Amino acid sequence: MDEQLKAVRVGWYSIKDFPQPQNLSLSLEWVRVDASTLWEKNFDVVVLDIQTGETLEPVQYIYARIALPTIILVDTIEQESAVLCWLGATDETCNSHAIDQQIGLRLQRIIWHSQQKHLFHLDKLTGISNFQKFKDYAFQLLASTEDAEAVCLIYLDIDRFKFINDRYGHSGGDQILQSIGQILQQYALGAGIVARTGGDKFAICVRGNIEQGKAFAEFLKTQLQAYEFRLTDQSCVNLTVSFAVVPMGEQTSIEELWQEINQCIYAAKKQGRNQVVTTEEFNAIADAAGQDKLITEFEHRIRVTAERMVSEMVLKASRLAKKYRAEAEHDGLTEVFNRRYLDRLLLREIERSHKYQQRLTILLLDLDHFGEVNRTYGFPTGDQTLITAAKILRNNVRAVDWVTRYGGEEFCIVMADTNLHTGCQIAERIRLALSEEIVTAYNGHQFRVTASIGVVELKPDDDPVSLLQRASDRVRESKQNGRNQICF
């Protein structure tokens, strides 16, 4: 009840004087009405006195036709009990003997219910009408027996929206849906209704015949296809939409309306998406195939669904393959490349260097006194030390360099198109970063870790084994010279 209207126009249908509400924050404009002026629709609330009719039937008749939030003034408990039998759930009664004390509270309650009822008909994400509001509108239109101008339903279904959600996440998909809601409201001014009917589907009811409806749908298709949906500063998405255009009022039920919508939408999807299909065009497709319309729709559904399933299966298979490949190529603890990948990578880089006469340098690193870390602090702290070292290596090499775990506490970095001098500079940067890092053990003790590093450049007669052996010799030399240094 916190959101209150600043001014409430109250239609007062009673011979009683205007009340004097107590403890009321609403600003009220009381307007006395009679049977001839009650039907004006510019009231926010109507107060209807049960004493205006000789019996309850005239009051009930008026109440059923004013279609506005209503408060019924009653004098007795018996009258209130009778009124409650037909009073709507969001309307109120008020005892005329306590009107000053009650009317303010009743008005606040009824205004709040009116606002909530309005919100119930809005889609929370896009702010346009929701599916329930659209159904109510369509039902009233189909139930109307009055001759009225032609109305077309334009139905939109975003093409391959699931893949957009999969790629950019549901937050990205929600941004796109919000933008589409705004675009449709902008271009569909004066439409009977603009609604999100669920998921990635929207509906617009516009005045006009089927040709006018198709022309408007083609315009919307062009606008949406050209629109760039910017999700972040770096990512921009383009999409397409399939359209169905159905004349409204010719159907006998909501179910028949949905059947025609689905027939056109699946025909548009089957034709390659980003298409506009009208009821007349779908009927022509069925006639050309010499089939019943239901059979034609069924075939379209099967083909579109099968295509979607194949696409999803291919996408899932691709993701699984990438996942398993990543797991096979990466060390599970440090998340850098593993020894298996190093063996393939190093052979490939050596062959490339020999073929194109390029330099190749590798760096082999062994953490100093790592066994003592495990013995003193335990294996979990040892694991954390390896993770910390791998992170430092990744942060201190170039984007083109490959960090791999050679085994145990040893790491190897492959630097393509790099000479020995540059490799030594990178090694020294890593050595300093490692020696400055403080590692906290699980018992709270802190210590530093250093590394002995060997750096070698590829020779013409080198193969992977000889290159790694020379790097290993340099690491052993570094250990013998006192550790925490590089040898080349």
Protein backbone atom coordinates (compact mmCIF):
# COMPACT_ATOMS: atom_id res chain seq x y z
CA MET A 1 0.00 0.00 0.00
CA ASP A 2 2.99 2.28 -0.12
CA GLU A 3 2.46 3.29 -3.75
CA GLN A 4 -0.49 5.68 -3.55
CA LEU A 5 -2.01 7.95 -6.13
CA LYS A 6 -1.54 11.63 -5.37
CA ALA A 7 -5.08 12.46 -6.50
CA VAL A 8 -8.00 10.04 -6.53
CA ARG A 9 -11.23 10.97 -8.32
CA VAL A 10 -14.16 9.40 -6.44
CA GLY A 11 -17.61 9.07 -7.95
CA TRP A 12 -20.05 9.46 -5.01
CA TYR A 13 -23.41 7.80 -5.74
CA SER A 14 -25.29 8.53 -2.52
CA ILE A 15 -27.61 11.13 -1.05
CA LYS A 16 -25.41 11.29 2.05
CA ASP A 17 -22.96 14.12 2.59
CA PHE A 18 -19.35 13.60 1.61
CA PRO A 19 -17.45 11.85 4.39
CA GLN A 20 -14.52 13.30 6.31
CA PRO A 21 -11.94 10.49 6.24
CA GLN A 22 -9.57 10.22 9.17
CA ASN A 23 -5.82 9.51 8.94
CA LEU A 24 -5.84 9.59 5.15
CA SER A 25 -2.77 10.47 3.06
CA LEU A 26 -4.64 10.29 -0.24
CA SER A 27 -5.67 13.48 -2.01
CA LEU A 28 -9.35 13.00 -2.89
CA GLU A 29 -11.68 14.69 -5.35
CA TRP A 30 -15.28 13.86 -4.48
CA VAL A 31 -17.76 14.08 -7.37
CA ARG A 32 -21.47 13.56 -6.73
CA VAL A 33 -23.04 11.42 -9.45
CA ASP A 34 -26.48 10.08 -10.25
CA ALA A 35 -27.84 7.44 -12.58
CA SER A 36 -27.19 9.61 -15.64
CA THR A 37 -23.58 10.58 -14.84
CA LEU A 38 -22.39 7.37 -13.16
CA TRP A 39 -21.22 5.88 -16.45
CA GLU A 40 -18.52 8.45 -16.95
CA LYS A 41 -15.21 6.59 -17.04
CA ASN A 42 -13.01 9.29 -15.61
CA PHE A 43 -13.35 8.09 -12.01
CA ASP A 44 -10.70 6.12 -10.16
CA VAL A 45 -13.20 4.71 -7.64
CA VAL A 46 -16.99 4.65 -7.32
CA VAL A 47 -18.75 4.66 -3.93
CA LEU A 48 -22.18 3.10 -4.40
CA ASP A 49 -24.71 3.48 -1.58
CA ILE A 50 -26.99 0.50 -1.10
CA GLN A 51 -29.77 2.96 -0.20
CA THR A 52 -29.92 4.22 -3.82
CA GLY A 53 -32.07 1.25 -4.69
CA GLU A 54 -35.22 -0.01 -3.07
CA THR A 55 -33.77 -3.55 -3.18
CA LEU A 56 -30.33 -5.06 -3.68
CA GLU A 57 -31.03 -6.03 -7.32
CA PRO A 58 -30.70 -2.49 -8.82
CA VAL A 59 -27.45 -1.93 -6.89
CA GLN A 60 -26.08 -5.26 -8.08
CA TYR A 61 -27.11 -4.40 -11.66
CA ILE A 62 -25.26 -1.06 -11.55
CA TYR A 63 -22.21 -2.62 -9.91
CA ALA A 64 -21.92 -5.30 -12.60
CA ARG A 65 -21.81 -2.69 -15.38
CA ILE A 66 -19.64 0.16 -14.17
CA ALA A 67 -16.40 -1.91 -14.39
CA LEU A 68 -14.56 0.35 -11.95
CA PRO A 69 -13.11 -0.23 -8.47
CA THR A 70 -16.14 0.05 -6.20
CA ILE A 71 -16.96 0.51 -2.52
CA ILE A 72 -20.50 -0.48 -1.46
CA LEU A 73 -21.97 1.49 1.47
CA VAL A 74 -24.04 -0.77 3.74
CA ASP A 75 -26.08 -0.03 6.85
CA THR A 76 -26.47 -3.46 8.43
CA ILE A 77 -24.64 -6.74 8.82
CA GLU A 78 -27.40 -8.47 6.86
CA GLN A 79 -26.88 -6.10 3.91
CA GLU A 80 -23.10 -6.61 4.03
CA SER A 81 -23.56 -10.39 4.06
CA ALA A 82 -25.83 -10.21 1.02
CA VAL A 83 -23.43 -7.92 -0.87
CA LEU A 84 -20.44 -10.19 -0.18
CA CYS A 85 -22.19 -12.96 -2.12
CA TRP A 86 -21.61 -11.10 -5.42
CA LEU A 87 -18.94 -8.51 -4.62
CA GLY A 88 -15.63 -8.90 -6.48
CA ALA A 89 -12.56 -10.00 -4.53
CA THR A 90 -10.78 -6.66 -5.02
CA ASP A 91 -13.76 -4.42 -4.16
CA GLU A 92 -14.81 -3.32 -0.68
CA THR A 93 -17.77 -2.68 1.61
CA CYS A 94 -17.98 0.14 4.16
CA ASN A 95 -20.34 0.60 7.09
CA SER A 96 -22.14 3.91 6.62
CA HIS A 97 -22.38 4.34 10.41
CA ALA A 98 -18.58 4.36 10.66
CA ILE A 99 -17.84 5.94 7.32
CA ASP A 100 -15.38 8.58 8.55
CA GLN A 101 -13.33 5.94 10.34
CA GLN A 102 -13.45 3.31 7.57
CA ILE A 103 -13.68 4.99 4.17
CA GLY A 104 -10.05 6.13 4.12
CA LEU A 105 -8.78 2.60 4.82
CA ARG A 106 -11.18 1.13 2.27
CA LEU A 107 -10.02 3.61 -0.38
CA GLN A 108 -6.36 2.84 0.28
CA ARG A 109 -7.01 -0.89 0.04
CA ILE A 110 -9.01 -0.64 -3.17
CA ILE A 111 -6.46 1.64 -4.84
CA TRP A 112 -3.69 -0.79 -3.90
CA HIS A 113 -5.68 -3.75 -5.27
CA SER A 114 -6.31 -1.81 -8.47
CA GLN A 115 -2.61 -1.15 -8.91
CA GLN A 116 -1.73 -4.79 -8.25
CA LYS A 117 -4.36 -5.94 -10.71
CA HIS A 118 -2.71 -3.76 -13.33
CA LEU A 119 0.70 -5.20 -12.50
CA PHE A 120 -0.65 -8.73 -12.81
CA HIS A 121 -1.22 -8.01 -16.51
CA LEU A 122 2.34 -6.82 -17.16
CA ASP A 123 5.32 -8.95 -18.12
CA LYS A 124 7.88 -8.41 -15.37
CA LEU A 125 10.88 -8.55 -17.70
CA THR A 126 9.81 -6.34 -20.62
CA GLY A 127 7.12 -4.17 -19.03
CA ILE A 128 4.63 -4.85 -21.85
CA SER A 129 1.41 -6.89 -21.54
CA ASN A 130 1.78 -10.50 -20.51
CA PHE A 131 0.24 -13.69 -21.87
CA GLN A 132 -2.83 -13.50 -19.61
CA LYS A 133 -3.59 -9.97 -20.77
CA PHE A 134 -3.19 -11.05 -24.37
CA LYS A 135 -5.55 -14.00 -23.88
CA ASP A 136 -8.17 -11.77 -22.27
CA TYR A 137 -7.90 -9.31 -25.13
CA ALA A 138 -8.14 -12.04 -27.78
CA PHE A 139 -11.07 -13.67 -26.02
CA GLN A 140 -13.02 -10.40 -25.90
CA LEU A 141 -12.29 -9.78 -29.57
CA LEU A 142 -13.39 -13.25 -30.62
CA ALA A 143 -16.50 -13.08 -28.42
CA SER A 144 -17.59 -9.69 -29.76
CA THR A 145 -20.66 -9.83 -32.01
CA GLU A 146 -20.41 -6.22 -33.13
CA ASP A 147 -19.22 -5.40 -36.62
CA ALA A 148 -15.83 -3.79 -36.28
CA GLU A 149 -12.93 -2.89 -38.50
CA ALA A 150 -10.44 -5.57 -39.47
CA VAL A 151 -7.79 -6.53 -36.90
CA CYS A 152 -4.61 -8.51 -37.57
CA LEU A 153 -2.53 -10.49 -35.15
CA ILE A 154 1.22 -10.30 -35.82
CA TYR A 155 3.07 -13.02 -33.95
CA LEU A 156 6.86 -13.00 -33.52
CA ASP A 157 9.16 -15.92 -32.67
CA ILE A 158 12.89 -15.15 -32.31
CA ASP A 159 15.01 -17.50 -34.41
CA ARG A 160 17.47 -19.77 -32.57
CA PHE A 161 17.07 -17.88 -29.31
CA LYS A 162 18.25 -20.89 -27.30
CA PHE A 163 21.68 -20.61 -28.86
CA ILE A 164 21.83 -16.95 -27.86
CA ASN A 165 21.05 -17.92 -24.27
CA ASP A 166 23.65 -20.70 -24.40
CA ARG A 167 26.35 -18.37 -25.71
CA TYR A 168 25.67 -15.18 -23.74
CA GLY A 169 23.81 -16.56 -20.72
CA HIS A 170 20.27 -15.83 -19.60
CA SER A 171 21.21 -12.30 -18.56
CA GLY A 172 22.23 -11.57 -22.15
CA GLY A 173 19.04 -13.16 -23.44
CA ASP A 174 16.98 -11.07 -21.02
CA GLN A 175 18.64 -7.90 -22.30
CA ILE A 176 17.64 -8.82 -25.85
CA LEU A 177 14.04 -9.54 -24.83
CA GLN A 178 13.82 -6.18 -23.04
CA SER A 179 15.16 -4.39 -26.12
CA ILE A 180 12.67 -6.15 -28.41
CA GLY A 181 9.82 -5.17 -26.09
CA GLN A 182 10.92 -1.53 -26.34
CA ILE A 183 11.27 -1.71 -30.14
CA LEU A 184 7.80 -3.19 -30.56
CA GLN A 185 6.26 -0.54 -28.32
CA GLN A 186 8.04 2.16 -30.29
CA TYR A 187 6.83 1.00 -33.71
CA ALA A 188 3.42 -0.36 -32.69
CA LEU A 189 1.96 2.89 -31.33
CA GLY A 190 -1.82 2.71 -31.44
CA ALA A 191 -1.88 -1.08 -31.54
CA GLY A 192 -4.65 -2.81 -29.62
CA ILE A 193 -2.08 -4.70 -27.58
CA VAL A 194 1.66 -5.42 -27.55
CA ALA A 195 2.41 -8.49 -25.43
CA ARG A 196 5.10 -10.98 -24.59
CA THR A 197 3.30 -14.31 -24.77
CA GLY A 198 6.12 -16.36 -23.30
CA GLY A 199 9.84 -17.05 -23.67
CA ASP A 200 11.04 -15.55 -26.96
CA LYS A 201 7.57 -14.92 -28.41
CA PHE A 202 5.62 -11.67 -28.82
CA ALA A 203 2.23 -10.66 -30.20
CA ILE A 204 0.87 -7.40 -31.63
CA CYS A 205 -2.75 -6.72 -32.55
CA VAL A 206 -3.13 -3.92 -35.12
CA ARG A 207 -6.00 -2.48 -37.08
CA GLY A 208 -6.01 -3.43 -40.75
CA ASN A 209 -6.50 -6.28 -43.18
CA ILE A 210 -4.11 -9.15 -43.86
CA GLU A 211 -2.13 -7.22 -46.49
CA GLN A 212 -1.59 -4.29 -44.14
CA GLY A 213 -0.62 -6.67 -41.36
CA LYS A 214 1.96 -8.38 -43.57
CA ALA A 215 3.42 -5.04 -44.67
CA PHE A 216 3.86 -4.01 -41.05
CA ALA A 217 5.40 -7.40 -40.17
CA GLU A 218 7.88 -7.04 -43.07
CA PHE A 219 8.81 -3.61 -41.72
CA LEU A 220 9.37 -5.01 -38.23
CA LYS A 221 11.42 -7.89 -39.66
CA THR A 222 13.73 -5.43 -41.42
CA GLN A 223 14.12 -3.25 -38.32
CA LEU A 224 14.91 -6.19 -36.02
CA GLN A 225 17.31 -7.78 -38.50
CA ALA A 226 19.30 -4.54 -38.79
CA TYR A 227 19.28 -3.78 -35.06
CA GLU A 228 22.50 -4.37 -33.13
CA PHE A 229 21.75 -5.70 -29.66
CA ARG A 230 24.73 -4.53 -27.62
CA LEU A 231 25.21 -6.71 -24.54
CA THR A 232 28.61 -5.36 -23.48
CA ASP A 233 31.17 -2.94 -24.89
CA GLN A 234 32.78 -5.88 -26.69
CA SER A 235 29.82 -8.04 -27.74
CA CYS A 236 27.09 -7.13 -30.19
CA VAL A 237 24.37 -9.54 -31.36
CA ASN A 238 22.28 -9.59 -34.53
CA LEU A 239 19.27 -11.85 -34.82
CA THR A 240 16.33 -12.69 -37.03
CA VAL A 241 12.66 -13.27 -36.29
CA SER A 242 9.97 -15.45 -37.88
CA PHE A 243 6.49 -13.90 -38.23
CA ALA A 244 2.94 -15.16 -38.46
CA VAL A 245 0.15 -12.81 -39.63
CA VAL A 246 -3.37 -13.95 -38.82
CA PRO A 247 -6.65 -12.04 -39.30
CA MET A 248 -8.53 -11.95 -35.99
CA GLY A 249 -12.23 -12.38 -35.55
CA GLU A 250 -12.65 -15.18 -38.10
CA GLN A 251 -11.86 -17.86 -35.54
CA THR A 252 -14.43 -19.41 -33.25
CA SER A 253 -12.12 -20.00 -30.28
CA ILE A 254 -8.72 -19.21 -28.78
CA GLU A 255 -7.62 -22.74 -29.67
CA GLU A 256 -8.36 -22.15 -33.34
CA LEU A 257 -6.44 -18.88 -33.21
CA TRP A 258 -3.38 -20.63 -31.75
CA GLN A 259 -3.61 -23.33 -34.37
CA GLU A 260 -3.43 -20.75 -37.15
CA ILE A 261 -0.53 -18.97 -35.44
CA ASN A 262 1.47 -22.20 -35.13
CA GLN A 263 0.74 -23.14 -38.74
CA CYS A 264 2.22 -19.87 -39.99
CA ILE A 265 5.16 -19.80 -37.56
CA TYR A 266 6.30 -23.33 -38.42
CA ALA A 267 5.91 -22.58 -42.11
CA ALA A 268 8.15 -19.52 -41.67
CA LYS A 269 10.74 -21.59 -39.77
CA LYS A 270 10.63 -24.34 -42.37
CA GLN A 271 11.22 -21.83 -45.18
CA GLY A 272 14.53 -20.83 -43.62
CA ARG A 273 13.47 -18.50 -40.79
CA ASN A 274 13.45 -14.70 -40.96
CA GLN A 275 10.22 -14.99 -42.98
CA VAL A 276 6.69 -13.59 -42.80
CA VAL A 277 3.89 -16.09 -43.47
CA THR A 278 0.20 -15.20 -43.49
CA THR A 279 -2.78 -17.50 -43.07
CA GLU A 280 -3.54 -17.19 -46.77
CA GLU A 281 0.04 -18.15 -47.69
CA PHE A 282 -0.03 -21.18 -45.42
CA ASN A 283 -3.31 -22.32 -46.96
CA ALA A 284 -1.71 -21.97 -50.40
CA ILE A 285 1.26 -24.08 -49.27
CA ALA A 286 -1.09 -26.84 -48.06
CA ASP A 287 -3.16 -26.67 -51.26
CA ALA A 288 -0.04 -26.85 -53.45
CA ALA A 289 1.04 -30.00 -51.58
CA GLY A 290 -2.44 -31.46 -51.95
CA GLN A 291 -2.62 -32.02 -48.21
CA ASP A 292 -4.86 -31.25 -45.29
CA LYS A 293 -3.62 -28.19 -43.36
CA LEU A 294 -3.07 -30.23 -40.20
CA ILE A 295 -0.82 -32.66 -42.06
CA THR A 296 1.16 -29.80 -43.60
CA GLU A 297 1.62 -28.20 -40.17
CA PHE A 298 2.69 -31.54 -38.71
CA GLU A 299 5.35 -32.00 -41.41
CA HIS A 300 6.66 -28.49 -40.79
CA ARG A 301 6.82 -29.13 -37.04
CA ILE A 302 8.72 -32.39 -37.55
CA ARG A 303 11.30 -30.82 -39.87
CA VAL A 304 11.86 -27.74 -37.71
CA THR A 305 12.07 -29.83 -34.52
CA ALA A 306 14.44 -32.33 -36.15
CA GLU A 307 16.70 -29.53 -37.38
CA ARG A 308 16.72 -27.98 -33.92
CA MET A 309 17.56 -31.32 -32.28
CA VAL A 310 20.41 -32.00 -34.72
CA SER A 311 21.83 -28.52 -34.14
CA GLU A 312 21.65 -28.98 -30.38
CA MET A 313 23.27 -32.41 -30.57
CA VAL A 314 26.12 -31.08 -32.72
CA LEU A 315 26.62 -28.16 -30.33
CA LYS A 316 26.63 -30.43 -27.27
CA ALA A 317 29.01 -32.88 -28.94
CA SER A 318 31.36 -30.03 -29.85
CA ARG A 319 31.31 -28.74 -26.28
CA LEU A 320 31.95 -32.19 -24.85
CA ALA A 321 34.85 -32.72 -27.26
CA LYS A 322 36.38 -29.38 -26.25
CA LYS A 323 35.86 -30.18 -22.59
CA TYR A 324 37.48 -33.63 -22.81
CA ARG A 325 40.32 -32.26 -24.92
CA ALA A 326 40.96 -29.51 -22.40
CA GLU A 327 40.94 -32.05 -19.57
CA ALA A 328 43.32 -34.31 -21.50
CA GLU A 329 45.74 -31.46 -22.24
CA HIS A 330 45.74 -29.66 -18.89
CA ASP A 331 47.19 -30.55 -15.52
CA GLY A 332 44.32 -31.09 -13.10
CA LEU A 333 46.03 -29.33 -10.19
CA THR A 334 47.75 -26.28 -11.67
CA GLU A 335 45.55 -25.92 -14.81
CA VAL A 336 48.57 -25.33 -17.04
CA PHE A 337 49.32 -27.72 -19.92
CA ASN A 338 50.45 -31.20 -18.90
CA ARG A 339 53.39 -33.38 -19.90
CA ARG A 340 51.45 -35.20 -22.62
CA TYR A 341 50.67 -31.90 -24.30
CA LEU A 342 54.28 -30.72 -23.86
CA ASP A 343 55.60 -33.73 -25.74
CA ARG A 344 53.33 -32.99 -28.73
CA LEU A 345 53.82 -29.24 -28.56
CA LEU A 346 57.61 -29.34 -28.33
CA LEU A 347 57.97 -31.68 -31.30
CA ARG A 348 55.68 -29.46 -33.39
CA GLU A 349 57.54 -26.27 -32.43
CA ILE A 350 60.95 -27.83 -33.17
CA GLU A 351 59.80 -28.97 -36.61
CA ARG A 352 58.40 -25.51 -37.32
CA SER A 353 61.60 -23.80 -36.16
CA HIS A 354 63.74 -26.02 -38.37
CA LYS A 355 61.42 -25.52 -41.35
CA TYR A 356 61.19 -21.73 -41.14
CA GLN A 357 64.67 -21.13 -39.68
CA GLN A 358 63.22 -19.54 -36.52
CA ARG A 359 64.66 -19.34 -33.02
CA LEU A 360 63.18 -21.47 -30.23
CA THR A 361 64.03 -21.24 -26.55
CA ILE A 362 62.75 -23.30 -23.64
CA LEU A 363 62.87 -22.66 -19.92
CA LEU A 364 62.96 -25.55 -17.44
CA LEU A 365 62.20 -24.68 -13.82
CA ASP A 366 62.51 -26.74 -10.62
CA LEU A 367 61.17 -25.42 -7.30
CA ASP A 368 63.90 -25.44 -4.64
CA HIS A 369 63.54 -27.66 -1.53
CA PHE A 370 59.99 -28.64 -2.50
CA GLY A 371 60.27 -31.98 -0.71
CA GLU A 372 60.96 -30.11 2.51
CA VAL A 373 57.75 -28.09 1.99
CA ASN A 374 55.75 -31.32 1.81
CA ARG A 375 57.50 -32.81 4.84
CA THR A 376 57.18 -29.67 6.97
CA TYR A 377 53.69 -28.44 6.07
CA GLY A 378 52.00 -31.44 4.42
CA PHE A 379 50.89 -32.27 0.90
CA PRO A 380 47.92 -29.82 0.77
CA THR A 381 50.33 -26.94 1.35
CA GLY A 382 52.62 -28.45 -1.27
CA ASP A 383 49.72 -28.50 -3.73
CA GLN A 384 48.92 -24.88 -2.93
CA THR A 385 52.58 -24.00 -3.55
CA LEU A 386 52.43 -25.59 -7.01
CA ILE A 387 49.21 -23.73 -7.81
CA THR A 388 50.80 -20.45 -6.70
CA ALA A 389 53.92 -21.09 -8.79
CA ALA A 390 51.87 -21.92 -11.89
CA LYS A 391 49.88 -18.70 -11.48
CA ILE A 392 53.11 -16.66 -11.23
CA LEU A 393 54.46 -18.33 -14.37
CA ARG A 394 51.30 -17.54 -16.35
CA ASN A 395 51.37 -13.92 -15.17
CA ASN A 396 55.00 -13.36 -16.14
CA VAL A 397 55.23 -14.85 -19.62
CA ARG A 398 54.03 -13.47 -22.92
CA ALA A 399 50.72 -14.40 -24.51
CA VAL A 400 52.58 -16.45 -27.17
CA ASP A 401 54.50 -18.55 -24.62
CA TRP A 402 53.35 -21.99 -23.44
CA VAL A 403 53.44 -22.90 -19.72
CA THR A 404 53.45 -26.64 -19.02
CA ARG A 405 53.94 -28.84 -15.96
CA TYR A 406 56.86 -31.15 -16.74
CA GLY A 407 56.37 -33.32 -13.67
CA GLY A 408 56.28 -33.05 -9.87
CA GLU A 409 57.58 -29.58 -8.98
CA GLU A 410 59.05 -28.96 -12.45
CA PHE A 411 57.65 -26.66 -15.11
CA CYS A 412 58.66 -26.05 -18.70
CA ILE A 413 57.96 -22.93 -20.76
CA VAL A 414 58.17 -23.12 -24.56
CA MET A 415 58.97 -19.79 -26.24
CA ALA A 416 58.61 -19.90 -30.04
CA ASP A 417 60.48 -17.40 -32.23
CA THR A 418 62.54 -16.35 -29.20
CA ASN A 419 66.33 -16.15 -28.81
CA LEU A 420 68.36 -17.08 -25.76
CA HIS A 421 68.79 -13.49 -24.57
CA THR A 422 65.04 -12.83 -24.47
CA GLY A 423 64.46 -16.19 -22.82
CA CYS A 424 66.90 -15.30 -20.03
CA GLN A 425 65.10 -12.00 -19.45
CA ILE A 426 61.79 -13.82 -19.04
CA ALA A 427 63.43 -16.39 -16.75
CA GLU A 428 64.86 -13.67 -14.51
CA ARG A 429 61.47 -11.97 -14.29
CA ILE A 430 59.91 -15.27 -13.20
CA ARG A 431 62.70 -15.98 -10.69
CA LEU A 432 62.23 -12.60 -8.99
CA ALA A 433 58.43 -12.92 -8.89
CA LEU A 434 58.67 -16.37 -7.30
CA SER A 435 61.20 -15.31 -4.68
CA GLU A 436 59.04 -12.34 -3.64
CA GLU A 437 55.84 -14.39 -3.23
CA ILE A 438 54.80 -15.35 0.32
CA VAL A 439 52.98 -18.68 0.64
CA THR A 440 50.77 -19.31 3.67
CA ALA A 441 50.69 -22.91 4.92
CA TYR A 442 47.48 -24.48 6.26
CA ASN A 443 48.80 -24.11 9.83
CA GLY A 444 49.18 -20.37 9.27
CA HIS A 445 52.98 -20.35 8.91
CA GLN A 446 54.37 -18.35 6.00
CA PHE A 447 57.37 -19.10 3.79
CA ARG A 448 58.89 -18.17 0.45
CA VAL A 449 59.66 -20.42 -2.47
CA THR A 450 62.51 -20.11 -4.98
CA ALA A 451 63.41 -21.92 -8.19
CA SER A 452 66.43 -23.08 -10.13
CA ILE A 453 65.99 -22.32 -13.82
CA GLY A 454 67.72 -23.58 -16.92
CA VAL A 455 67.38 -21.76 -20.27
CA VAL A 456 68.53 -23.19 -23.60
CA GLU A 457 68.07 -22.29 -27.26
CA LEU A 458 67.37 -24.83 -30.01
CA LYS A 459 70.37 -26.06 -32.02
CA PRO A 460 70.17 -27.36 -35.61
CA ASP A 461 70.67 -30.97 -34.56
CA ASP A 462 68.33 -30.85 -31.53
CA ASP A 463 65.28 -33.05 -31.09
CA PRO A 464 62.86 -32.89 -28.10
CA VAL A 465 64.94 -35.27 -25.97
CA SER A 466 68.28 -33.52 -26.54
CA LEU A 467 66.76 -30.08 -26.03
CA LEU A 468 65.14 -31.07 -22.73
CA GLN A 469 68.33 -32.83 -21.63
CA ARG A 470 70.39 -29.68 -22.13
CA ALA A 471 67.78 -27.65 -20.18
CA SER A 472 67.88 -30.26 -17.39
CA ASP A 473 71.68 -29.98 -17.25
CA ARG A 474 71.37 -26.22 -16.78
CA VAL A 475 68.84 -26.74 -13.93
CA ARG A 476 71.24 -29.18 -12.20
CA GLU A 477 74.03 -26.64 -12.62
CA SER A 478 71.82 -23.98 -11.01
CA LYS A 479 71.15 -26.30 -8.07
CA GLN A 480 74.85 -26.98 -7.62
CA ASN A 481 75.63 -23.26 -7.67
CA GLY A 482 73.32 -22.51 -4.77
CA ARG A 483 69.78 -22.51 -6.24
CA ASN A 484 67.46 -19.50 -6.87
CA GLN A 485 69.28 -18.58 -10.07
CA ILE A 486 69.23 -19.13 -13.79
CA CYS A 487 71.82 -20.93 -15.89
CA PHE A 488 72.04 -20.89 -19.67
